[in-house]
């Protein structure tokens, strides 16, 4: 039996940021269901995961997790059931105030990653929707709190390298090094094709679509209502794999539908995948020259495959 190694759980929907590299605006305009995960459902998910011994549990998904005041309580429950599991929260840091910081430390949270795209107020406001200074102050104050509480929580700052921030990266490295905080850099991706201006935002003219995504073999993404989506970039919920109110984690993770998607990611081209995968910079590859006879076979198989994964 295959088990997920990383689990993202959306304890509630909503984000106060407006990052230009995030499909949040499309999600809002789509008027999809929103809400909060019932505590009973969250606990049920953790109870199911405990004997599976996953590597990492992340109580956030397509949201700003610190907007949910229940988050420390949920993290504490995770570690009651799985003391050694790595718990990770990625936040924009706007709500990382003294009280929330103390509660996160008490919860046993193992790693906190704060997304910040610039040290400059105007640049960060352009990229994330709010100025940098308040978040910088929150991060520094929290790092001091960690020292005061003698906590070994892993605090990091996360930056996506874009055309807007590339020239500032070395300055950011030096700045955060002064405070003993690790700066983690990541590449820009097109979020399943949901970021239309990705080439404009990219810091390189060689931005290419890639193949070989491992997310469906590693990550399970659970929405607030218990539905499981294909991956973390499926903001519009185009591929629903199952509902944890009706099926177990292992049943959904080992379903024929998900297995076919995994196999599709290892095929010669991406025509056998859901649309979000075909458009994604993590999963797709440039079209290869293929003999006409093989194209006909693939075309026939494509229709059968797509009928199975709808």
C-alpha atoms as a PDB file:
ATOM      1  CA  UNK A   1       0.000   0.000   0.000  1.00  0.00           C
ATOM      2  CA  UNK A   2       1.307   3.421  -1.008  1.00  0.00           C
ATOM      3  CA  UNK A   3       0.892   6.266   1.478  1.00  0.00           C
ATOM      4  CA  UNK A   4       1.235  10.042   1.074  1.00  0.00           C
ATOM      5  CA  UNK A   5       4.422  11.465   2.564  1.00  0.00           C
ATOM      6  CA  UNK A   6       3.303  15.097   2.714  1.00  0.00           C
ATOM      7  CA  UNK A   7      -0.208  16.222   3.568  1.00  0.00           C
ATOM      8  CA  UNK A   8      -1.578  19.736   3.167  1.00  0.00           C
ATOM      9  CA  UNK A   9      -4.774  20.520   5.057  1.00  0.00           C
ATOM     10  CA  UNK A  10      -6.851  23.643   4.454  1.00  0.00           C
ATOM     11  CA  UNK A  11      -8.240  24.462   7.891  1.00  0.00           C
ATOM     12  CA  UNK A  12     -10.150  27.376   6.384  1.00  0.00           C
ATOM     13  CA  UNK A  13     -10.294  29.260   3.098  1.00  0.00           C
ATOM     14  CA  UNK A  14      -9.167  32.845   2.572  1.00  0.00           C
ATOM     15  CA  UNK A  15      -6.044  34.966   2.300  1.00  0.00           C
ATOM     16  CA  UNK A  16      -5.425  38.642   2.991  1.00  0.00           C
ATOM     17  CA  UNK A  17      -2.595  38.788   0.450  1.00  0.00           C
ATOM     18  CA  UNK A  18      -2.866  39.498  -3.260  1.00  0.00           C
ATOM     19  CA  UNK A  19       0.322  37.997  -4.642  1.00  0.00           C
ATOM     20  CA  UNK A  20       0.659  38.456  -8.386  1.00  0.00           C
ATOM     21  CA  UNK A  21       2.166  34.961  -8.721  1.00  0.00           C
ATOM     22  CA  UNK A  22      -0.835  33.347  -6.998  1.00  0.00           C
ATOM     23  CA  UNK A  23      -4.265  32.443  -8.525  1.00  0.00           C
ATOM     24  CA  UNK A  24      -6.150  33.878  -5.526  1.00  0.00           C
ATOM     25  CA  UNK A  25      -8.017  36.405  -7.664  1.00  0.00           C
ATOM     26  CA  UNK A  26      -9.215  33.697 -10.083  1.00  0.00           C
ATOM     27  CA  UNK A  27     -10.409  31.659  -7.123  1.00  0.00           C
ATOM     28  CA  UNK A  28     -12.431  34.589  -5.731  1.00  0.00           C
ATOM     29  CA  UNK A  29     -14.017  35.292  -9.117  1.00  0.00           C
ATOM     30  CA  UNK A  30     -14.940  31.614  -9.527  1.00  0.00           C
ATOM     31  CA  UNK A  31     -17.267  31.782  -6.467  1.00  0.00           C
ATOM     32  CA  UNK A  32     -16.295  28.304  -5.318  1.00  0.00           C
ATOM     33  CA  UNK A  33     -17.459  27.056  -1.899  1.00  0.00           C
ATOM     34  CA  UNK A  34     -15.577  28.493   1.067  1.00  0.00           C
ATOM     35  CA  UNK A  35     -15.577  27.808   4.795  1.00  0.00           C
ATOM     36  CA  UNK A  36     -13.838  26.298   7.795  1.00  0.00           C
ATOM     37  CA  UNK A  37     -12.910  22.694   8.372  1.00  0.00           C
ATOM     38  CA  UNK A  38     -14.840  21.252  11.332  1.00  0.00           C
ATOM     39  CA  UNK A  39     -12.576  20.275  14.199  1.00  0.00           C
ATOM     40  CA  UNK A  40     -14.026  16.756  14.109  1.00  0.00           C
ATOM     41  CA  UNK A  41     -12.988  16.322  10.477  1.00  0.00           C
ATOM     42  CA  UNK A  42      -9.491  17.635  11.141  1.00  0.00           C
ATOM     43  CA  UNK A  43      -9.029  15.246  14.058  1.00  0.00           C
ATOM     44  CA  UNK A  44     -10.362  12.367  11.976  1.00  0.00           C
ATOM     45  CA  UNK A  45      -7.796  13.099   9.258  1.00  0.00           C
ATOM     46  CA  UNK A  46      -4.950  13.215  11.790  1.00  0.00           C
ATOM     47  CA  UNK A  47      -6.180   9.995  13.424  1.00  0.00           C
ATOM     48  CA  UNK A  48      -6.077   8.270  10.034  1.00  0.00           C
ATOM     49  CA  UNK A  49      -2.597   9.610   9.292  1.00  0.00           C
ATOM     50  CA  UNK A  50      -1.029   8.633  12.618  1.00  0.00           C
ATOM     51  CA  UNK A  51      -0.479   4.910  11.830  1.00  0.00           C
ATOM     52  CA  UNK A  52       0.706   5.758   8.301  1.00  0.00           C
ATOM     53  CA  UNK A  53       3.760   7.630   9.618  1.00  0.00           C
ATOM     54  CA  UNK A  54       3.931  10.427   7.011  1.00  0.00           C
ATOM     55  CA  UNK A  55       7.020  12.620   6.760  1.00  0.00           C
ATOM     56  CA  UNK A  56       5.357  16.046   6.898  1.00  0.00           C
ATOM     57  CA  UNK A  57       1.974  17.552   7.777  1.00  0.00           C
ATOM     58  CA  UNK A  58       1.184  21.098   6.665  1.00  0.00           C
ATOM     59  CA  UNK A  59      -2.015  22.655   8.057  1.00  0.00           C
ATOM     60  CA  UNK A  60      -2.365  25.180   5.250  1.00  0.00           C
ATOM     61  CA  UNK A  61      -3.435  25.054   1.608  1.00  0.00           C
ATOM     62  CA  UNK A  62      -4.162  27.932  -0.749  1.00  0.00           C
ATOM     63  CA  UNK A  63      -4.816  30.198   2.236  1.00  0.00           C
ATOM     64  CA  UNK A  64      -3.221  32.340   4.919  1.00  0.00           C
ATOM     65  CA  UNK A  65      -3.109  29.868   7.820  1.00  0.00           C
ATOM     66  CA  UNK A  66      -2.581  32.397  10.631  1.00  0.00           C
ATOM     67  CA  UNK A  67      -6.030  33.836   9.931  1.00  0.00           C
ATOM     68  CA  UNK A  68      -7.403  30.700  11.612  1.00  0.00           C
ATOM     69  CA  UNK A  69      -7.090  31.245  15.368  1.00  0.00           C
ATOM     70  CA  UNK A  70      -7.514  27.473  15.872  1.00  0.00           C
ATOM     71  CA  UNK A  71      -4.220  26.721  14.088  1.00  0.00           C
ATOM     72  CA  UNK A  72      -2.011  26.263  17.205  1.00  0.00           C
ATOM     73  CA  UNK A  73      -4.637  23.943  18.688  1.00  0.00           C
ATOM     74  CA  UNK A  74      -4.633  21.873  15.502  1.00  0.00           C
ATOM     75  CA  UNK A  75      -0.826  21.698  15.453  1.00  0.00           C
ATOM     76  CA  UNK A  76      -0.822  20.558  19.059  1.00  0.00           C
ATOM     77  CA  UNK A  77      -3.218  17.743  18.145  1.00  0.00           C
ATOM     78  CA  UNK A  78      -0.939  16.705  15.291  1.00  0.00           C
ATOM     79  CA  UNK A  79       1.968  16.268  17.696  1.00  0.00           C
ATOM     80  CA  UNK A  80      -0.131  14.517  20.287  1.00  0.00           C
ATOM     81  CA  UNK A  81      -0.744  11.817  17.684  1.00  0.00           C
ATOM     82  CA  UNK A  82       2.609  12.042  15.845  1.00  0.00           C
ATOM     83  CA  UNK A  83       5.332  13.551  18.047  1.00  0.00           C
ATOM     84  CA  UNK A  84       8.113  13.094  15.487  1.00  0.00           C
ATOM     85  CA  UNK A  85       6.327  14.254  12.329  1.00  0.00           C
ATOM     86  CA  UNK A  86       7.557  17.497  10.757  1.00  0.00           C
ATOM     87  CA  UNK A  87       4.844  20.122  11.012  1.00  0.00           C
ATOM     88  CA  UNK A  88       5.257  23.028   8.616  1.00  0.00           C
ATOM     89  CA  UNK A  89       3.314  26.254   8.201  1.00  0.00           C
ATOM     90  CA  UNK A  90       3.897  28.701   5.361  1.00  0.00           C
ATOM     91  CA  UNK A  91       2.487  32.161   6.090  1.00  0.00           C
ATOM     92  CA  UNK A  92       2.709  35.682   4.750  1.00  0.00           C
ATOM     93  CA  UNK A  93       3.604  36.829   8.267  1.00  0.00           C
ATOM     94  CA  UNK A  94       1.106  39.674   8.511  1.00  0.00           C
ATOM     95  CA  UNK A  95      -0.586  38.059  11.534  1.00  0.00           C
ATOM     96  CA  UNK A  96       2.569  36.809  13.248  1.00  0.00           C
ATOM     97  CA  UNK A  97       2.035  38.914  16.348  1.00  0.00           C
ATOM     98  CA  UNK A  98       3.196  38.241  19.920  1.00  0.00           C
ATOM     99  CA  UNK A  99       0.181  36.190  21.030  1.00  0.00           C
ATOM    100  CA  UNK A 100       0.060  34.022  17.920  1.00  0.00           C
ATOM    101  CA  UNK A 101       3.828  33.558  18.073  1.00  0.00           C
ATOM    102  CA  UNK A 102       3.690  32.319  21.650  1.00  0.00           C
ATOM    103  CA  UNK A 103       0.851  29.947  20.814  1.00  0.00           C
ATOM    104  CA  UNK A 104       2.731  28.531  17.814  1.00  0.00           C
ATOM    105  CA  UNK A 105       5.795  27.878  19.979  1.00  0.00           C
ATOM    106  CA  UNK A 106       3.659  26.167  22.635  1.00  0.00           C
ATOM    107  CA  UNK A 107       1.937  24.037  19.972  1.00  0.00           C
ATOM    108  CA  UNK A 108       5.197  22.289  19.102  1.00  0.00           C
ATOM    109  CA  UNK A 109       5.329  23.559  15.509  1.00  0.00           C
ATOM    110  CA  UNK A 110       8.567  22.319  13.950  1.00  0.00           C
ATOM    111  CA  UNK A 111       8.998  24.741  11.037  1.00  0.00           C
ATOM    112  CA  UNK A 112       7.611  28.154  10.102  1.00  0.00           C
ATOM    113  CA  UNK A 113       8.302  29.668   6.703  1.00  0.00           C
ATOM    114  CA  UNK A 114       7.371  33.303   6.058  1.00  0.00           C
ATOM    115  CA  UNK A 115       6.853  34.378   2.457  1.00  0.00           C
ATOM    116  CA  UNK A 116       8.355  37.795   1.755  1.00  0.00           C
ATOM    117  CA  UNK A 117       9.274  38.959  -1.720  1.00  0.00           C
ATOM    118  CA  UNK A 118      11.206  42.163  -1.032  1.00  0.00           C
ATOM    119  CA  UNK A 119      12.679  44.330   1.718  1.00  0.00           C
ATOM    120  CA  UNK A 120      11.295  47.366  -0.055  1.00  0.00           C
ATOM    121  CA  UNK A 121       7.765  48.433   0.878  1.00  0.00           C
ATOM    122  CA  UNK A 122       6.653  49.414  -2.610  1.00  0.00           C
ATOM    123  CA  UNK A 123       8.139  46.366  -4.329  1.00  0.00           C
ATOM    124  CA  UNK A 124       6.598  43.963  -1.833  1.00  0.00           C
ATOM    125  CA  UNK A 125       3.283  45.788  -2.097  1.00  0.00           C
ATOM    126  CA  UNK A 126       3.395  45.326  -5.860  1.00  0.00           C
ATOM    127  CA  UNK A 127       4.208  41.627  -5.523  1.00  0.00           C
ATOM    128  CA  UNK A 128       2.130  40.653  -2.460  1.00  0.00           C
ATOM    129  CA  UNK A 129      -0.392  43.421  -1.883  1.00  0.00           C
ATOM    130  CA  UNK A 130       1.045  44.909   1.322  1.00  0.00           C
ATOM    131  CA  UNK A 131       4.283  46.670   2.425  1.00  0.00           C
ATOM    132  CA  UNK A 132       7.311  44.744   3.659  1.00  0.00           C
ATOM    133  CA  UNK A 133       8.171  46.660   6.845  1.00  0.00           C
ATOM    134  CA  UNK A 134       5.420  45.304   9.170  1.00  0.00           C
ATOM    135  CA  UNK A 135       6.225  41.735   8.132  1.00  0.00           C
ATOM    136  CA  UNK A 136       9.969  42.254   8.596  1.00  0.00           C
ATOM    137  CA  UNK A 137       9.267  43.547  12.107  1.00  0.00           C
ATOM    138  CA  UNK A 138       7.058  40.530  12.843  1.00  0.00           C
ATOM    139  CA  UNK A 139       9.757  38.112  11.664  1.00  0.00           C
ATOM    140  CA  UNK A 140      12.531  39.756  13.692  1.00  0.00           C
ATOM    141  CA  UNK A 141      10.353  39.961  16.800  1.00  0.00           C
ATOM    142  CA  UNK A 142       9.395  36.310  16.434  1.00  0.00           C
ATOM    143  CA  UNK A 143      13.036  35.275  16.049  1.00  0.00           C
ATOM    144  CA  UNK A 144      13.783  37.070  19.330  1.00  0.00           C
ATOM    145  CA  UNK A 145      10.822  35.316  20.942  1.00  0.00           C
ATOM    146  CA  UNK A 146      12.188  31.953  19.806  1.00  0.00           C
ATOM    147  CA  UNK A 147      15.483  32.729  21.527  1.00  0.00           C
ATOM    148  CA  UNK A 148      13.705  33.923  24.660  1.00  0.00           C
ATOM    149  CA  UNK A 149      11.649  30.726  24.825  1.00  0.00           C
ATOM    150  CA  UNK A 150      14.696  28.612  23.902  1.00  0.00           C
ATOM    151  CA  UNK A 151      12.684  27.091  21.091  1.00  0.00           C
ATOM    152  CA  UNK A 152      14.356  25.066  18.351  1.00  0.00           C
ATOM    153  CA  UNK A 153      11.641  25.855  15.795  1.00  0.00           C
ATOM    154  CA  UNK A 154      13.089  26.209  12.293  1.00  0.00           C
ATOM    155  CA  UNK A 155      12.245  29.764  11.135  1.00  0.00           C
ATOM    156  CA  UNK A 156      12.848  30.626   7.494  1.00  0.00           C
ATOM    157  CA  UNK A 157      12.037  33.397   5.046  1.00  0.00           C
ATOM    158  CA  UNK A 158      10.888  32.292   1.596  1.00  0.00           C
ATOM    159  CA  UNK A 159      11.281  34.277  -1.614  1.00  0.00           C
ATOM    160  CA  UNK A 160      10.257  33.398  -5.156  1.00  0.00           C
ATOM    161  CA  UNK A 161      12.833  34.699  -7.610  1.00  0.00           C
ATOM    162  CA  UNK A 162      11.082  36.919 -10.173  1.00  0.00           C
ATOM    163  CA  UNK A 163      12.054  39.703 -12.537  1.00  0.00           C
ATOM    164  CA  UNK A 164      10.975  42.147  -9.806  1.00  0.00           C
ATOM    165  CA  UNK A 165      13.087  40.655  -7.008  1.00  0.00           C
ATOM    166  CA  UNK A 166      16.128  39.132  -8.744  1.00  0.00           C
ATOM    167  CA  UNK A 167      18.347  42.206  -8.284  1.00  0.00           C
ATOM    168  CA  UNK A 168      17.603  42.264  -4.548  1.00  0.00           C
ATOM    169  CA  UNK A 169      18.385  38.642  -3.703  1.00  0.00           C
ATOM    170  CA  UNK A 170      21.971  39.181  -2.514  1.00  0.00           C
ATOM    171  CA  UNK A 171      20.870  42.098  -0.328  1.00  0.00           C
ATOM    172  CA  UNK A 172      18.129  39.934   1.174  1.00  0.00           C
ATOM    173  CA  UNK A 173      20.601  37.135   1.890  1.00  0.00           C
ATOM    174  CA  UNK A 174      22.889  39.508   3.795  1.00  0.00           C
ATOM    175  CA  UNK A 175      19.990  41.113   5.648  1.00  0.00           C
ATOM    176  CA  UNK A 176      18.495  37.891   6.987  1.00  0.00           C
ATOM    177  CA  UNK A 177      21.910  36.418   7.741  1.00  0.00           C
ATOM    178  CA  UNK A 178      22.424  39.247  10.254  1.00  0.00           C
ATOM    179  CA  UNK A 179      19.482  37.855  12.229  1.00  0.00           C
ATOM    180  CA  UNK A 180      20.493  34.231  11.837  1.00  0.00           C
ATOM    181  CA  UNK A 181      17.466  33.510   9.656  1.00  0.00           C
ATOM    182  CA  UNK A 182      17.742  31.313   6.599  1.00  0.00           C
ATOM    183  CA  UNK A 183      16.522  32.723   3.284  1.00  0.00           C
ATOM    184  CA  UNK A 184      15.031  30.033   1.042  1.00  0.00           C
ATOM    185  CA  UNK A 185      14.759  30.790  -2.671  1.00  0.00           C
ATOM    186  CA  UNK A 186      12.377  29.046  -5.049  1.00  0.00           C
ATOM    187  CA  UNK A 187      11.723  29.205  -8.761  1.00  0.00           C
ATOM    188  CA  UNK A 188       8.673  30.808 -10.261  1.00  0.00           C
ATOM    189  CA  UNK A 189       6.080  28.387 -11.631  1.00  0.00           C
ATOM    190  CA  UNK A 190       2.876  28.985 -13.534  1.00  0.00           C
ATOM    191  CA  UNK A 191       0.601  27.278 -10.964  1.00  0.00           C
ATOM    192  CA  UNK A 192      -0.993  24.824 -13.350  1.00  0.00           C
ATOM    193  CA  UNK A 193      -1.242  27.447 -16.095  1.00  0.00           C
ATOM    194  CA  UNK A 194      -3.223  29.794 -13.828  1.00  0.00           C
ATOM    195  CA  UNK A 195      -0.603  32.578 -13.968  1.00  0.00           C
ATOM    196  CA  UNK A 196      -1.029  34.158 -17.382  1.00  0.00           C
ATOM    197  CA  UNK A 197       1.854  36.646 -17.133  1.00  0.00           C
ATOM    198  CA  UNK A 198       4.431  34.118 -15.941  1.00  0.00           C
ATOM    199  CA  UNK A 199       6.891  35.010 -18.702  1.00  0.00           C
ATOM    200  CA  UNK A 200       6.755  38.663 -17.707  1.00  0.00           C
ATOM    201  CA  UNK A 201       7.367  37.770 -14.059  1.00  0.00           C
ATOM    202  CA  UNK A 202      10.115  35.273 -14.787  1.00  0.00           C
ATOM    203  CA  UNK A 203      13.667  36.417 -14.154  1.00  0.00           C
ATOM    204  CA  UNK A 204      14.931  34.491 -17.166  1.00  0.00           C
ATOM    205  CA  UNK A 205      14.054  34.333 -20.857  1.00  0.00           C
ATOM    206  CA  UNK A 206      14.657  30.579 -20.721  1.00  0.00           C
ATOM    207  CA  UNK A 207      11.537  29.842 -18.644  1.00  0.00           C
ATOM    208  CA  UNK A 208      10.404  26.428 -19.864  1.00  0.00           C
ATOM    209  CA  UNK A 209       7.645  24.012 -19.102  1.00  0.00           C
ATOM    210  CA  UNK A 210       9.005  20.932 -17.379  1.00  0.00           C
ATOM    211  CA  UNK A 211       8.103  17.298 -17.043  1.00  0.00           C
ATOM    212  CA  UNK A 212       8.387  14.830 -14.210  1.00  0.00           C
ATOM    213  CA  UNK A 213       6.146  16.215 -11.461  1.00  0.00           C
ATOM    214  CA  UNK A 214       6.291  14.124  -8.281  1.00  0.00           C
ATOM    215  CA  UNK A 215       3.486  15.868  -6.393  1.00  0.00           C
ATOM    216  CA  UNK A 216       0.793  13.218  -7.059  1.00  0.00           C
ATOM    217  CA  UNK A 217       3.172  10.538  -5.769  1.00  0.00           C
ATOM    218  CA  UNK A 218       4.076  12.469  -2.616  1.00  0.00           C
ATOM    219  CA  UNK A 219       1.533  15.155  -1.647  1.00  0.00           C
ATOM    220  CA  UNK A 220      -2.103  14.853  -0.608  1.00  0.00           C
ATOM    221  CA  UNK A 221      -4.061  18.124  -0.601  1.00  0.00           C
ATOM    222  CA  UNK A 222      -7.241  18.282   1.483  1.00  0.00           C
ATOM    223  CA  UNK A 223      -9.758  21.126   1.233  1.00  0.00           C
ATOM    224  CA  UNK A 224     -11.712  22.548   4.170  1.00  0.00           C
ATOM    225  CA  UNK A 225     -14.730  20.373   3.306  1.00  0.00           C
ATOM    226  CA  UNK A 226     -12.800  17.114   3.150  1.00  0.00           C
ATOM    227  CA  UNK A 227     -12.510  16.922  -0.629  1.00  0.00           C
ATOM    228  CA  UNK A 228      -9.096  15.942  -1.960  1.00  0.00           C
ATOM    229  CA  UNK A 229      -7.764  17.864  -4.949  1.00  0.00           C
ATOM    230  CA  UNK A 230      -5.045  16.686  -7.307  1.00  0.00           C
ATOM    231  CA  UNK A 231      -2.364  19.071  -6.088  1.00  0.00           C
ATOM    232  CA  UNK A 232      -1.643  22.380  -4.399  1.00  0.00           C
ATOM    233  CA  UNK A 233      -1.891  24.433  -7.618  1.00  0.00           C
ATOM    234  CA  UNK A 234      -5.385  23.172  -8.488  1.00  0.00           C
ATOM    235  CA  UNK A 235      -6.990  26.351  -7.151  1.00  0.00           C
ATOM    236  CA  UNK A 236     -10.127  25.959  -9.256  1.00  0.00           C
ATOM    237  CA  UNK A 237     -10.606  22.363  -8.066  1.00  0.00           C
ATOM    238  CA  UNK A 238     -10.614  20.896 -11.551  1.00  0.00           C
ATOM    239  CA  UNK A 239      -9.676  17.379 -10.394  1.00  0.00           C
ATOM    240  CA  UNK A 240     -11.411  16.099  -7.242  1.00  0.00           C
ATOM    241  CA  UNK A 241      -9.950  12.724  -6.274  1.00  0.00           C
ATOM    242  CA  UNK A 242     -12.383  11.923  -3.493  1.00  0.00           C
ATOM    243  CA  UNK A 243     -14.100  13.040  -0.308  1.00  0.00           C
ATOM    244  CA  UNK A 244     -12.768  12.120   3.140  1.00  0.00           C
ATOM    245  CA  UNK A 245     -16.304  12.287   4.486  1.00  0.00           C
ATOM    246  CA  UNK A 246     -17.000   9.221   2.355  1.00  0.00           C
ATOM    247  CA  UNK A 247     -13.683   7.439   1.780  1.00  0.00           C
ATOM    248  CA  UNK A 248     -10.462   6.868   3.689  1.00  0.00           C
ATOM    249  CA  UNK A 249      -7.120   8.501   2.998  1.00  0.00           C
ATOM    250  CA  UNK A 250      -5.621   5.224   1.805  1.00  0.00           C
ATOM    251  CA  UNK A 251      -8.554   4.465  -0.497  1.00  0.00           C
ATOM    252  CA  UNK A 252      -8.261   7.833  -2.231  1.00  0.00           C
ATOM    253  CA  UNK A 253      -4.461   7.739  -2.378  1.00  0.00           C
ATOM    254  CA  UNK A 254      -4.423   4.260  -3.932  1.00  0.00           C
ATOM    255  CA  UNK A 255      -7.348   4.820  -6.300  1.00  0.00           C
ATOM    256  CA  UNK A 256      -7.139   3.762  -9.940  1.00  0.00           C
ATOM    257  CA  UNK A 257      -7.808   7.325 -11.025  1.00  0.00           C
ATOM    258  CA  UNK A 258      -4.797   8.769  -9.204  1.00  0.00           C
ATOM    259  CA  UNK A 259      -2.604   5.880 -10.301  1.00  0.00           C
ATOM    260  CA  UNK A 260      -3.438   6.580 -13.940  1.00  0.00           C
ATOM    261  CA  UNK A 261      -2.460  10.220 -13.491  1.00  0.00           C
ATOM    262  CA  UNK A 262       0.862   9.141 -11.967  1.00  0.00           C
ATOM    263  CA  UNK A 263       1.484   6.844 -14.905  1.00  0.00           C
ATOM    264  CA  UNK A 264       0.516   9.625 -17.300  1.00  0.00           C
ATOM    265  CA  UNK A 265       3.228  11.836 -15.805  1.00  0.00           C
ATOM    266  CA  UNK A 266       5.804   9.232 -16.807  1.00  0.00           C
ATOM    267  CA  UNK A 267       4.623   8.916 -20.393  1.00  0.00           C
ATOM    268  CA  UNK A 268       6.457  10.217 -23.438  1.00  0.00           C
ATOM    269  CA  UNK A 269       4.281  13.315 -23.639  1.00  0.00           C
ATOM    270  CA  UNK A 270       1.587  14.921 -21.535  1.00  0.00           C
ATOM    271  CA  UNK A 271      -1.490  14.449 -23.741  1.00  0.00           C
ATOM    272  CA  UNK A 272      -2.863  11.768 -21.406  1.00  0.00           C
ATOM    273  CA  UNK A 273      -3.042  14.055 -18.376  1.00  0.00           C
ATOM    274  CA  UNK A 274      -5.724  16.341 -16.924  1.00  0.00           C
ATOM    275  CA  UNK A 275      -5.663  19.843 -18.370  1.00  0.00           C
ATOM    276  CA  UNK A 276      -4.114  21.373 -15.265  1.00  0.00           C
ATOM    277  CA  UNK A 277      -1.140  19.008 -15.607  1.00  0.00           C
ATOM    278  CA  UNK A 278      -0.815  19.622 -19.335  1.00  0.00           C
ATOM    279  CA  UNK A 279      -0.519  23.355 -18.652  1.00  0.00           C
ATOM    280  CA  UNK A 280       1.725  23.150 -15.582  1.00  0.00           C
ATOM    281  CA  UNK A 281       5.397  24.058 -15.510  1.00  0.00           C
ATOM    282  CA  UNK A 282       5.961  21.249 -13.004  1.00  0.00           C
ATOM    283  CA  UNK A 283       4.456  18.511 -15.152  1.00  0.00           C
ATOM    284  CA  UNK A 284       4.506  19.300 -18.833  1.00  0.00           C
ATOM    285  CA  UNK A 285       7.271  19.005 -21.435  1.00  0.00           C
ATOM    286  CA  UNK A 286       7.651  20.496 -24.865  1.00  0.00           C
ATOM    287  CA  UNK A 287       6.041  18.468 -27.610  1.00  0.00           C
ATOM    288  CA  UNK A 288       8.418  15.898 -29.069  1.00  0.00           C
ATOM    289  CA  UNK A 289       8.526  14.838 -32.684  1.00  0.00           C
ATOM    290  CA  UNK A 290       6.603  11.609 -32.900  1.00  0.00           C
ATOM    291  CA  UNK A 291       5.944   9.239 -35.847  1.00  0.00           C
ATOM    292  CA  UNK A 292       2.449   9.654 -37.311  1.00  0.00           C
ATOM    293  CA  UNK A 293       1.463   6.075 -36.516  1.00  0.00           C
ATOM    294  CA  UNK A 294       2.339   6.606 -32.843  1.00  0.00           C
ATOM    295  CA  UNK A 295       0.426   9.890 -32.793  1.00  0.00           C
ATOM    296  CA  UNK A 296      -2.703   8.057 -33.949  1.00  0.00           C
ATOM    297  CA  UNK A 297      -2.347   5.497 -31.155  1.00  0.00           C
ATOM    298  CA  UNK A 298      -1.809   8.254 -28.596  1.00  0.00           C
ATOM    299  CA  UNK A 299      -4.773  10.191 -29.895  1.00  0.00           C
ATOM    300  CA  UNK A 300      -7.040   7.168 -29.475  1.00  0.00           C
ATOM    301  CA  UNK A 301      -5.684   6.436 -26.006  1.00  0.00           C
ATOM    302  CA  UNK A 302      -6.000  10.067 -24.983  1.00  0.00           C
ATOM    303  CA  UNK A 303      -9.785  10.011 -25.277  1.00  0.00           C
ATOM    304  CA  UNK A 304     -10.052   6.769 -23.275  1.00  0.00           C
ATOM    305  CA  UNK A 305      -7.715   8.097 -20.590  1.00  0.00           C
ATOM    306  CA  UNK A 306      -9.507  11.405 -20.247  1.00  0.00           C
ATOM    307  CA  UNK A 307     -12.858   9.666 -19.898  1.00  0.00           C
ATOM    308  CA  UNK A 308     -11.415   7.645 -17.027  1.00  0.00           C
ATOM    309  CA  UNK A 309     -10.007  10.600 -15.093  1.00  0.00           C
ATOM    310  CA  UNK A 310     -12.989  12.961 -15.489  1.00  0.00           C
END
